[in-house]
Amino acid sequence: MKKLCVLSTILLVAACSGDPRLSDPEEFDGVPRCGAEKFQNLLGKRESALEGVDLPEPYRILHPGDVITLDFSPDRMTIDIDGLGLISSITCR
């Protein structure tokens, strides 16, 4: 039970530590700011294709089953890897 409380606290702190100026989707003006459009050529390739690629900060790479925060950030590139290890999406969120 103690481990669960510690994990919950860590997740709560992580969720609250994002940039408050960019965390409200209703304030988003629709303009992506992370540069994801420059990396669309990687879609469908293996995750290893990211090695040596200079990704803009901040970014995150998500795998099936990863625990993530639900904060919204149009400045953060999010790369989704599917169950086969392929890059399935590259978005700003």
C-alpha atoms as a PDB file:
ATOM      1  CA  MET A   1       0.000   0.000   0.000  1.00  0.00           C
ATOM      2  CA  LYS A   2       2.848   2.374   0.819  1.00  0.00           C
ATOM      3  CA  LYS A   3       4.369   1.827  -2.656  1.00  0.00           C
ATOM      4  CA  LEU A   4       1.037   2.707  -4.255  1.00  0.00           C
ATOM      5  CA  CYS A   5       0.847   5.971  -2.277  1.00  0.00           C
ATOM      6  CA  VAL A   6       4.392   6.906  -3.265  1.00  0.00           C
ATOM      7  CA  LEU A   7       3.702   6.137  -6.934  1.00  0.00           C
ATOM      8  CA  SER A   8       0.475   8.155  -6.851  1.00  0.00           C
ATOM      9  CA  THR A   9       2.305  11.124  -5.349  1.00  0.00           C
ATOM     10  CA  ILE A  10       5.038  10.960  -7.983  1.00  0.00           C
ATOM     11  CA  LEU A  11       2.483  10.864 -10.801  1.00  0.00           C
ATOM     12  CA  LEU A  12       0.558  13.772  -9.309  1.00  0.00           C
ATOM     13  CA  VAL A  13       3.679  15.922  -9.001  1.00  0.00           C
ATOM     14  CA  ALA A  14       4.723  15.062 -12.565  1.00  0.00           C
ATOM     15  CA  ALA A  15       1.297  15.995 -13.906  1.00  0.00           C
ATOM     16  CA  CYS A  16       1.395  19.353 -12.161  1.00  0.00           C
ATOM     17  CA  SER A  17       4.903  20.300 -13.243  1.00  0.00           C
ATOM     18  CA  GLY A  18       4.091  21.143 -16.873  1.00  0.00           C
ATOM     19  CA  ASP A  19       4.119  24.653 -18.311  1.00  0.00           C
ATOM     20  CA  PRO A  20       0.778  26.135 -17.183  1.00  0.00           C
ATOM     21  CA  ARG A  21       0.681  28.490 -20.181  1.00  0.00           C
ATOM     22  CA  LEU A  22       0.354  25.541 -22.554  1.00  0.00           C
ATOM     23  CA  SER A  23      -1.638  23.034 -20.540  1.00  0.00           C
ATOM     24  CA  ASP A  24      -5.174  24.136 -21.466  1.00  0.00           C
ATOM     25  CA  PRO A  25      -6.295  22.740 -24.844  1.00  0.00           C
ATOM     26  CA  GLU A  26      -9.005  25.412 -25.045  1.00  0.00           C
ATOM     27  CA  GLU A  27      -6.299  28.095 -25.232  1.00  0.00           C
ATOM     28  CA  PHE A  28      -4.495  26.331 -28.087  1.00  0.00           C
ATOM     29  CA  ASP A  29      -4.636  28.422 -31.276  1.00  0.00           C
ATOM     30  CA  GLY A  30      -4.353  25.386 -33.560  1.00  0.00           C
ATOM     31  CA  VAL A  31      -0.752  26.036 -34.584  1.00  0.00           C
ATOM     32  CA  PRO A  32       1.551  23.092 -33.791  1.00  0.00           C
ATOM     33  CA  ARG A  33       4.841  24.295 -32.393  1.00  0.00           C
ATOM     34  CA  CYS A  34       6.951  21.169 -31.987  1.00  0.00           C
ATOM     35  CA  GLY A  35       8.089  20.602 -35.578  1.00  0.00           C
ATOM     36  CA  ALA A  36       6.431  17.181 -35.967  1.00  0.00           C
ATOM     37  CA  GLU A  37       5.746  17.861 -39.639  1.00  0.00           C
ATOM     38  CA  LYS A  38       9.503  17.670 -40.333  1.00  0.00           C
ATOM     39  CA  PHE A  39       9.673  14.073 -39.087  1.00  0.00           C
ATOM     40  CA  GLN A  40       6.696  12.466 -40.854  1.00  0.00           C
ATOM     41  CA  ASN A  41       9.112  10.561 -43.108  1.00  0.00           C
ATOM     42  CA  LEU A  42       9.823   8.320 -40.080  1.00  0.00           C
ATOM     43  CA  LEU A  43       6.255   6.961 -39.925  1.00  0.00           C
ATOM     44  CA  GLY A  44       6.139   3.206 -40.359  1.00  0.00           C
ATOM     45  CA  LYS A  45       9.855   2.790 -39.664  1.00  0.00           C
ATOM     46  CA  ARG A  46      11.322   0.860 -36.746  1.00  0.00           C
ATOM     47  CA  GLU A  47      11.986   2.764 -33.524  1.00  0.00           C
ATOM     48  CA  SER A  48      15.719   2.320 -34.152  1.00  0.00           C
ATOM     49  CA  ALA A  49      15.350   4.856 -36.996  1.00  0.00           C
ATOM     50  CA  LEU A  50      15.257   7.514 -34.264  1.00  0.00           C
ATOM     51  CA  GLU A  51      18.858   6.771 -33.292  1.00  0.00           C
ATOM     52  CA  GLY A  52      21.036   9.683 -34.315  1.00  0.00           C
ATOM     53  CA  VAL A  53      18.040  11.872 -35.174  1.00  0.00           C
ATOM     54  CA  ASP A  54      18.267  15.292 -33.529  1.00  0.00           C
ATOM     55  CA  LEU A  55      14.793  15.605 -32.016  1.00  0.00           C
ATOM     56  CA  PRO A  56      13.642  19.006 -30.743  1.00  0.00           C
ATOM     57  CA  GLU A  57      13.182  19.422 -27.001  1.00  0.00           C
ATOM     58  CA  PRO A  58      10.869  18.654 -25.387  1.00  0.00           C
ATOM     59  CA  TYR A  59       9.880  15.294 -26.813  1.00  0.00           C
ATOM     60  CA  ARG A  60       8.655  11.961 -25.540  1.00  0.00           C
ATOM     61  CA  ILE A  61       8.575   8.473 -27.018  1.00  0.00           C
ATOM     62  CA  LEU A  62       5.596   6.394 -25.965  1.00  0.00           C
ATOM     63  CA  HIS A  63       5.247   2.609 -26.105  1.00  0.00           C
ATOM     64  CA  PRO A  64       2.124   0.503 -25.601  1.00  0.00           C
ATOM     65  CA  GLY A  65       1.287   0.365 -21.905  1.00  0.00           C
ATOM     66  CA  ASP A  66       3.400   3.393 -20.942  1.00  0.00           C
ATOM     67  CA  VAL A  67       1.966   5.517 -18.166  1.00  0.00           C
ATOM     68  CA  ILE A  68       1.797   9.144 -19.273  1.00  0.00           C
ATOM     69  CA  THR A  69       0.548  12.453 -18.013  1.00  0.00           C
ATOM     70  CA  LEU A  70      -2.500  13.849 -19.779  1.00  0.00           C
ATOM     71  CA  ASP A  71      -1.265  17.421 -19.916  1.00  0.00           C
ATOM     72  CA  PHE A  72      -1.429  19.068 -23.332  1.00  0.00           C
ATOM     73  CA  SER A  73       1.613  20.866 -24.730  1.00  0.00           C
ATOM     74  CA  PRO A  74       1.700  21.994 -28.379  1.00  0.00           C
ATOM     75  CA  ASP A  75       5.462  22.530 -27.939  1.00  0.00           C
ATOM     76  CA  ARG A  76       6.179  18.879 -27.079  1.00  0.00           C
ATOM     77  CA  MET A  77       6.746  16.288 -29.798  1.00  0.00           C
ATOM     78  CA  THR A  78       5.175  12.941 -29.004  1.00  0.00           C
ATOM     79  CA  ILE A  79       6.308   9.880 -30.925  1.00  0.00           C
ATOM     80  CA  ASP A  80       4.091   6.806 -30.586  1.00  0.00           C
ATOM     81  CA  ILE A  81       5.580   3.348 -31.072  1.00  0.00           C
ATOM     82  CA  ASP A  82       3.157   0.511 -31.797  1.00  0.00           C
ATOM     83  CA  GLY A  83       3.242  -3.078 -30.543  1.00  0.00           C
ATOM     84  CA  LEU A  84       5.482  -4.125 -33.444  1.00  0.00           C
ATOM     85  CA  GLY A  85       8.092  -1.495 -32.627  1.00  0.00           C
ATOM     86  CA  LEU A  86       7.107   0.775 -35.520  1.00  0.00           C
ATOM     87  CA  ILE A  87       6.624   4.531 -35.358  1.00  0.00           C
ATOM     88  CA  SER A  88       2.855   4.951 -35.672  1.00  0.00           C
ATOM     89  CA  SER A  89       2.459   8.710 -35.118  1.00  0.00           C
ATOM     90  CA  ILE A  90       4.461  11.873 -34.585  1.00  0.00           C
ATOM     91  CA  THR A  91       2.399  14.734 -33.194  1.00  0.00           C
ATOM     92  CA  CYS A  92       2.570  17.846 -31.049  1.00  0.00           C
ATOM     93  CA  ARG A  93       0.830  17.153 -27.749  1.00  0.00           C
END
